[in-house]
Protein backbone atom coordinates (compact mmCIF):
# COMPACT_ATOMS: atom_id res chain seq x y z
CA MET A 1 -54.28 25.20 -67.56
CA ALA A 2 -52.13 23.07 -69.76
CA ASN A 3 -51.56 25.94 -72.17
CA ALA A 4 -50.67 28.21 -69.28
CA ALA A 5 -48.09 25.78 -67.89
CA ALA A 6 -46.62 25.29 -71.34
CA ALA A 7 -46.32 29.07 -71.75
CA THR A 8 -44.64 29.22 -68.27
CA MET A 9 -42.14 26.59 -69.20
CA GLY A 10 -41.08 28.74 -72.13
CA GLY A 11 -41.25 25.99 -74.60
CA ARG A 12 -39.07 23.63 -72.46
CA SER A 13 -40.07 19.93 -72.00
CA PHE A 14 -41.14 18.51 -68.67
CA LEU A 15 -37.92 16.54 -68.30
CA GLN A 16 -35.90 19.71 -68.83
CA VAL A 17 -37.85 21.52 -66.19
CA ALA A 18 -37.53 18.54 -63.77
CA SER A 19 -33.77 18.31 -64.28
CA THR A 20 -33.43 22.02 -63.68
CA GLU A 21 -35.31 21.79 -60.47
CA GLU A 22 -33.17 18.87 -59.23
CA VAL A 23 -30.07 21.16 -59.23
CA ALA A 24 -29.77 22.09 -55.54
CA PRO A 25 -27.88 25.09 -54.31
CA PRO A 26 -24.64 24.60 -52.44
CA LEU A 27 -24.90 23.78 -48.73
CA ARG A 28 -24.21 26.96 -46.83
CA VAL A 29 -25.20 26.26 -43.17
CA VAL A 30 -26.27 23.40 -40.90
CA GLN A 31 -29.08 24.52 -38.58
CA ILE A 32 -29.36 22.35 -35.46
CA GLU A 33 -31.97 22.67 -32.80
CA GLY A 34 -30.66 23.16 -29.27
CA LEU A 35 -32.27 19.92 -28.05
CA VAL A 36 -30.36 17.96 -30.73
CA VAL A 37 -27.14 19.50 -29.51
CA LEU A 38 -27.89 18.55 -25.91
CA LYS A 39 -28.73 14.99 -26.96
CA ILE A 40 -25.47 14.59 -28.88
CA ILE A 41 -23.39 16.07 -25.96
CA LYS A 42 -25.10 13.76 -23.42
CA HIS A 43 -24.69 10.59 -25.51
CA CYS A 44 -21.01 11.26 -26.24
CA LYS A 45 -20.11 12.28 -22.61
CA GLU A 46 -21.90 9.26 -21.09
CA PHE A 47 -19.78 6.78 -23.00
CA SER A 48 -16.48 8.85 -23.22
CA PRO A 49 -13.72 7.86 -23.95
CA ALA A 50 -15.41 5.15 -25.94
CA LEU A 51 -16.52 6.39 -29.49
CA VAL A 52 -20.20 6.45 -30.20
CA THR A 53 -22.37 7.28 -33.27
CA GLY A 54 -25.95 8.23 -33.93
CA GLN A 55 -28.39 9.21 -36.67
CA LEU A 56 -29.27 12.85 -37.65
CA LEU A 57 -32.86 13.51 -38.82
CA GLY A 58 -34.14 16.62 -40.36
CA LEU A 59 -34.92 18.41 -43.62
CA ASP A 60 -32.97 19.52 -46.63
CA VAL A 61 -34.27 23.06 -47.36
CA GLY A 62 -32.40 24.92 -50.14
CA SER A 63 -28.89 25.85 -48.98
CA VAL A 64 -29.74 24.99 -45.33
CA LEU A 65 -29.68 21.52 -43.76
CA GLU A 66 -32.04 21.52 -40.81
CA VAL A 67 -31.32 18.90 -38.11
CA THR A 68 -34.43 18.56 -35.93
CA ASN A 69 -33.89 15.24 -34.21
CA CYS A 70 -31.40 12.46 -33.59
CA PHE A 71 -31.14 9.09 -31.91
CA PRO A 72 -28.07 7.13 -30.75
CA PHE A 73 -26.83 3.83 -32.26
CA PRO A 74 -26.35 0.91 -29.95
CA ILE A 75 -22.72 0.07 -29.21
CA ARG A 76 -21.93 -3.15 -31.03
CA ASP A 77 -18.94 -5.39 -31.83
CA GLU A 78 -17.67 -6.31 -35.25
CA ASP A 79 -20.11 -9.22 -35.79
CA GLU A 80 -22.49 -9.79 -38.65
CA GLU A 81 -25.44 -10.80 -36.52
CA ILE A 82 -25.07 -7.83 -34.27
CA GLU A 83 -24.60 -5.54 -37.31
CA ALA A 84 -27.87 -6.85 -38.69
CA ASP A 85 -29.51 -6.16 -35.31
CA GLY A 86 -28.20 -2.59 -35.55
CA ALA A 87 -29.71 -2.11 -39.00
CA ASN A 88 -33.08 -3.43 -37.71
CA TYR A 89 -32.81 -1.09 -34.78
CA GLN A 90 -32.38 1.90 -37.07
CA LEU A 91 -35.41 0.93 -39.25
CA GLU A 92 -37.54 0.38 -36.11
CA MET A 93 -36.60 3.74 -34.76
CA MET A 94 -37.45 5.40 -38.04
CA ARG A 95 -40.80 3.59 -38.14
CA CYS A 96 -41.59 4.70 -34.62
CA LEU A 97 -40.68 8.29 -35.37
CA ARG A 98 -42.87 8.29 -38.51
CA GLU A 99 -45.85 6.95 -36.45
CA VAL A 100 -45.74 9.85 -34.05
CA ASN A 101 -45.23 12.39 -36.85
CA VAL A 102 -41.72 13.30 -36.17
CA ASP A 103 -39.16 14.18 -38.88
CA ASN A 104 -37.68 10.91 -39.97
CA ASN A 105 -35.63 12.00 -42.99
CA THR A 106 -31.98 11.00 -42.61
CA VAL A 107 -29.62 13.94 -43.16
CA GLY A 108 -26.43 12.35 -41.78
CA TRP A 109 -24.96 11.05 -38.67
CA TYR A 110 -23.03 12.21 -35.62
CA GLN A 111 -19.99 10.70 -33.88
CA SER A 112 -17.70 11.36 -31.02
CA THR A 113 -13.96 11.70 -31.35
CA LEU A 114 -10.89 11.87 -29.08
CA LEU A 115 -8.71 14.92 -29.49
CA GLY A 116 -9.95 15.43 -33.06
CA SER A 117 -8.69 12.06 -34.38
CA PHE A 118 -11.55 11.53 -36.73
CA GLN A 119 -9.96 11.84 -40.14
CA THR A 120 -9.84 8.14 -41.16
CA VAL A 121 -10.55 5.91 -44.12
CA GLU A 122 -13.58 4.64 -42.20
CA LEU A 123 -15.18 8.07 -42.08
CA ILE A 124 -14.72 8.55 -45.84
CA GLU A 125 -16.28 5.11 -46.52
CA THR A 126 -19.26 5.95 -44.35
CA PHE A 127 -19.65 9.25 -46.22
CA MET A 128 -19.61 7.40 -49.62
CA ASN A 129 -22.17 4.93 -48.38
CA TYR A 130 -24.53 7.71 -47.27
CA GLN A 131 -23.99 9.58 -50.51
CA GLU A 132 -25.39 6.60 -52.48
CA ASN A 133 -28.83 7.09 -50.97
CA ILE A 134 -28.80 10.70 -49.75
CA ARG A 135 -28.04 13.62 -51.98
CA ARG A 136 -26.57 15.78 -49.23
CA CYS A 137 -25.49 14.65 -45.79
CA VAL A 138 -23.16 15.88 -43.12
CA CYS A 139 -21.37 14.38 -40.17
CA ILE A 140 -21.44 16.17 -36.90
CA ILE A 141 -18.20 15.61 -34.90
CA TYR A 142 -18.17 16.23 -31.11
CA ASP A 143 -15.03 16.11 -28.96
CA PRO A 144 -15.76 15.73 -25.25
CA SER A 145 -11.97 16.12 -24.41
CA LYS A 146 -11.84 19.54 -26.02
CA SER A 147 -15.18 20.52 -24.37
CA ASN A 148 -13.55 19.97 -20.99
CA GLN A 149 -11.24 22.93 -21.90
CA GLY A 150 -14.25 25.28 -22.03
CA ILE A 151 -14.84 24.95 -25.83
CA LEU A 152 -17.90 23.57 -27.53
CA ALA A 153 -16.07 21.27 -29.91
CA LEU A 154 -18.86 20.77 -32.39
CA LYS A 155 -18.29 20.84 -36.16
CA ALA A 156 -20.13 19.77 -39.28
CA LEU A 157 -18.16 18.17 -42.15
CA LYS A 158 -18.76 16.95 -45.70
CA LEU A 159 -16.64 15.57 -48.43
CA SER A 160 -15.71 17.91 -51.22
CA ASP A 161 -17.10 17.21 -54.68
CA SER A 162 -13.76 17.00 -56.31
CA PHE A 163 -12.62 14.46 -53.66
CA MET A 164 -15.71 12.33 -54.10
CA ASP A 165 -15.15 12.19 -57.90
CA LEU A 166 -11.63 10.79 -57.31
CA HIS A 167 -12.83 8.33 -54.70
CA ARG A 168 -15.50 6.88 -57.01
CA ASN A 169 -12.69 6.11 -59.55
CA ASN A 170 -10.40 5.00 -56.69
CA ASN A 171 -7.61 6.80 -58.39
CA PHE A 172 -5.29 8.72 -55.97
CA THR A 173 -2.08 8.75 -58.00
CA GLY A 174 0.09 11.76 -58.02
CA GLU A 175 -0.73 12.55 -61.73
CA LYS A 176 -4.49 12.43 -61.02
CA LEU A 177 -4.24 14.66 -57.97
CA ARG A 178 -2.13 17.22 -59.87
CA GLU A 179 -4.70 17.11 -62.72
CA LYS A 180 -7.59 17.79 -60.26
CA ASN A 181 -5.49 20.29 -58.30
CA LEU A 182 -6.37 18.41 -55.12
CA SER A 183 -4.27 18.70 -51.90
CA TRP A 184 -4.71 17.28 -48.50
CA VAL A 185 -6.72 20.42 -47.28
CA ASP A 186 -9.33 19.74 -49.93
CA ILE A 187 -10.75 16.40 -48.64
CA PHE A 188 -13.20 17.79 -46.06
CA GLU A 189 -15.37 20.96 -46.09
CA GLU A 190 -16.48 22.36 -42.83
CA ILE A 191 -20.05 23.81 -42.85
CA PRO A 192 -20.92 26.55 -40.44
CA ILE A 193 -23.32 25.43 -37.63
CA LYS A 194 -26.25 27.55 -36.43
CA VAL A 195 -27.98 26.50 -33.23
CA SER A 196 -31.69 27.52 -33.25
CA ASN A 197 -34.40 27.34 -30.67
CA SER A 198 -38.09 28.11 -30.73
CA ALA A 199 -39.37 31.34 -29.22
CA LEU A 200 -40.86 29.44 -26.19
CA ILE A 201 -37.59 27.69 -25.34
CA SER A 202 -35.68 30.97 -25.68
CA ALA A 203 -38.05 32.64 -23.34
CA PHE A 204 -37.86 29.78 -20.93
CA MET A 205 -34.02 29.77 -20.97
CA THR A 206 -34.07 33.56 -20.29
CA GLU A 207 -36.07 32.91 -17.09
CA LEU A 208 -33.67 30.15 -15.96
CA GLU A 209 -30.61 32.33 -16.55
CA ALA A 210 -28.89 33.22 -13.29
CA ASP A 211 -28.49 36.77 -12.14
CA THR A 212 -24.69 36.35 -11.68
CA PRO A 213 -22.75 37.05 -14.88
CA VAL A 214 -20.21 34.33 -14.00
CA ALA A 215 -21.03 30.68 -14.66
CA GLN A 216 -19.17 27.46 -13.96
CA CYS A 217 -18.00 27.12 -17.56
CA ASP A 218 -16.37 30.54 -17.26
CA LEU A 219 -14.43 29.41 -14.19
CA ASP A 220 -13.34 26.25 -15.98
CA ARG A 221 -11.61 28.28 -18.64
CA LEU A 222 -9.34 29.68 -15.93
CA GLN A 223 -7.75 26.38 -15.10
CA LEU A 224 -3.99 26.68 -15.43
CA SER A 225 -3.15 22.97 -15.82
CA THR A 226 -3.15 21.75 -19.45
CA ASN A 227 -0.75 19.02 -18.92
CA PRO A 228 -3.01 15.92 -19.69
CA PHE A 229 -4.47 17.69 -22.85
CA MET A 230 -1.10 18.69 -24.06
CA GLU A 231 0.49 15.30 -23.41
CA ARG A 232 -2.15 13.39 -25.28
CA ASN A 233 -1.91 15.75 -28.25
CA VAL A 234 1.85 15.35 -28.39
CA GLU A 235 1.54 11.61 -28.12
CA PHE A 236 -0.99 11.39 -30.99
CA LEU A 237 1.21 13.77 -32.98
CA ILE A 238 4.24 11.56 -32.62
CA GLU A 239 2.19 8.50 -33.71
CA CYS A 240 1.02 10.35 -36.80
CA MET A 241 4.57 11.35 -37.63
CA ASP A 242 5.61 7.73 -37.43
CA ASP A 243 2.66 6.72 -39.69
CA LEU A 244 3.58 9.47 -42.17
CA SER A 245 7.20 8.28 -42.20
CA MET A 246 6.02 4.68 -43.00
CA GLU A 247 3.90 6.09 -45.92
CA GLN A 248 6.85 7.94 -47.25
CA GLN A 249 8.96 4.73 -47.14
CA LYS A 250 6.35 3.13 -49.34
CA PHE A 251 6.75 5.91 -51.96
CA GLN A 252 10.52 5.66 -51.74
CA PHE A 253 10.33 1.93 -52.31
CA TYR A 254 8.00 2.49 -55.25
CA TYR A 255 10.31 5.03 -56.91
CA ARG A 256 13.36 2.90 -56.39
CA ASN A 257 11.60 -0.03 -58.07
CA LEU A 258 10.45 2.27 -60.83
CA SER A 259 13.92 3.63 -61.56
CA ARG A 260 15.32 0.06 -61.44
CA GLN A 261 12.67 -1.07 -63.91
CA GLN A 262 13.40 1.78 -66.28
CA ALA A 263 17.10 0.96 -66.21
CA GLN A 264 16.31 -2.70 -67.04
CA GLN A 265 14.07 -1.59 -69.92
CA GLN A 266 16.68 0.71 -71.38
CA ALA A 267 19.30 -2.17 -71.16
CA TRP A 268 16.88 -4.64 -72.75
CA LEU A 269 16.05 -2.16 -75.49
CA GLN A 270 19.71 -1.51 -76.27
CA LYS A 271 20.30 -5.27 -76.49
CA ARG A 272 17.35 -5.81 -78.75
CA ARG A 273 18.38 -2.98 -81.09
CA SER A 274 21.94 -4.49 -81.42
CA GLU A 275 20.32 -7.84 -82.16
CA ASN A 276 18.14 -6.21 -84.89
CA MET A 277 21.09 -4.62 -86.48
CA ALA A 278 22.85 -7.99 -86.70
CA ARG A 279 19.63 -9.61 -88.07
CA LYS A 280 19.27 -6.75 -90.62
CA ALA A 281 22.85 -7.22 -91.71
CA ALA A 282 22.12 -10.99 -92.16
CA GLY A 283 18.92 -10.18 -94.13
CA GLU A 284 16.58 -11.51 -91.46
CA GLU A 285 13.43 -9.81 -90.12
CA PRO A 286 13.98 -7.51 -87.10
CA LEU A 287 12.45 -8.44 -83.74
CA PRO A 288 9.94 -6.09 -82.05
CA GLU A 289 11.36 -3.60 -79.69
CA GLU A 290 8.62 -4.26 -77.06
CA ASP A 291 7.75 -7.50 -75.44
CA PRO A 292 4.61 -7.28 -73.26
CA SER A 293 5.24 -10.81 -71.93
CA ASN A 294 8.61 -9.67 -70.40
CA PRO A 295 8.19 -9.00 -66.66
CA ILE A 296 10.30 -5.70 -66.88
CA PHE A 297 7.51 -4.14 -69.00
CA LYS A 298 4.87 -4.87 -66.40
CA THR A 299 3.54 -1.58 -64.92
CA ILE A 300 4.27 -1.12 -61.30
CA PRO A 301 1.16 0.15 -59.49
CA GLU A 302 1.64 3.44 -57.71
CA PRO A 303 0.63 3.51 -54.04
CA SER A 304 -2.47 5.43 -53.20
CA ARG A 305 -1.83 8.81 -51.56
CA LEU A 306 -5.18 8.86 -49.65
CA GLU A 307 -3.65 7.52 -46.46
CA SER A 308 -0.76 10.05 -46.43
CA PHE A 309 -3.39 12.86 -47.18
CA LEU A 310 -5.47 11.82 -44.19
CA ILE A 311 -2.37 11.53 -41.90
CA THR A 312 -1.20 15.03 -42.98
CA ASN A 313 -4.74 16.37 -42.20
CA GLN A 314 -4.54 14.81 -38.80
CA ILE A 315 -1.08 16.24 -38.06
CA ALA A 316 -2.32 19.72 -39.02
CA ASN A 317 -5.28 19.24 -36.69
CA TYR A 318 -3.06 18.29 -33.79
CA CYS A 319 -0.73 21.12 -34.47
CA ASN A 320 -3.61 23.62 -34.38
CA GLN A 321 -4.91 22.16 -31.16
CA ILE A 322 -1.52 22.45 -29.47
CA ASN A 323 -1.07 25.97 -30.80
CA GLY A 324 -4.54 27.02 -29.51
CA ALA A 325 -3.98 25.34 -26.07
CA THR A 326 -0.51 26.85 -25.57
CA GLY A 327 -1.86 30.32 -26.60
CA GLN A 328 -4.67 30.22 -24.10
CA SER A 329 -2.37 28.83 -21.35
CA PHE A 330 0.08 31.73 -21.81
CA SER A 331 -2.81 34.15 -21.70
CA ARG A 332 -4.08 32.62 -18.42
CA LEU A 333 -0.62 32.61 -16.98
CA TYR A 334 0.08 36.27 -17.80
CA LEU A 335 -3.48 37.09 -16.35
CA MET A 336 -2.66 35.30 -13.03
CA LYS A 337 0.82 37.01 -12.87
CA ALA A 338 -0.82 40.39 -13.19
CA LEU A 339 -3.34 39.55 -10.48
CA HIS A 340 -0.57 38.35 -8.06
CA GLU A 341 1.45 41.59 -8.74
CA ASN A 342 -1.59 43.66 -7.91
């Protein structure tokens, strides 16, 4: 048996074979069971507009991440004791699920959002904390406000590998971003979601399906009023534009200080060179042309571009939502106009 195994390895060592097997294929799809989707929607809608989170459980099988179960996190305040209680709650839930032989492998978490305002530094920090213990994880984002427009606003996100490398080094300077060729659209990667059900559930849902082809959700799509949705999107967009303007002011202040420092360095260098010429004429040793103890040679730290990247991402998200809502609204208005004319 050992000789056969060695022949199969082709002369490679056991460590080489193990390291080869650890290389996982890229994540292609997130497969969620229908019951999990219903649990997420129910939890997020019950506490809307408050933001809630929960744990995703399942299996990591090749290029597919299977989500087979989930449970909600208790709503807590920013307090250490309550935070410790939340961690104990998660461990207790995992233990109970293990005892009843239910999948208890953590594959990520889900959270609700309001009008797609989820691209924050806190989300990235949570991703990095999960990545320390889980090789591959995703975050399921559900937006109840968009679902009220007749759209199942459910998406699976993960951080791109290039962005995670930069975040580990905590280096978001312009030079490093140009070196990695990383822009604001490369922070998150959206993974396609596939909802799966067992054959028995599919057959049962077929029996429950009504004979009429029109359902309530189809009628909701015909609502002509989009004023609240549009107003909130425009309000959030204006806030993001103000935040982006403040970030740009930080960079303008940095570049003004940098140009002022470079001018001071050039003036000091010219003065030192003239002093050295006089000392050389007097037969004395020249002074060094650099003085690290001088404050004008102290490097000015460049502001991080992470916040501006996230704000730009958020602005693009709001613009896409406004564009989609106005397009659908115009289509409904033209439809109603045609019906009235007929």
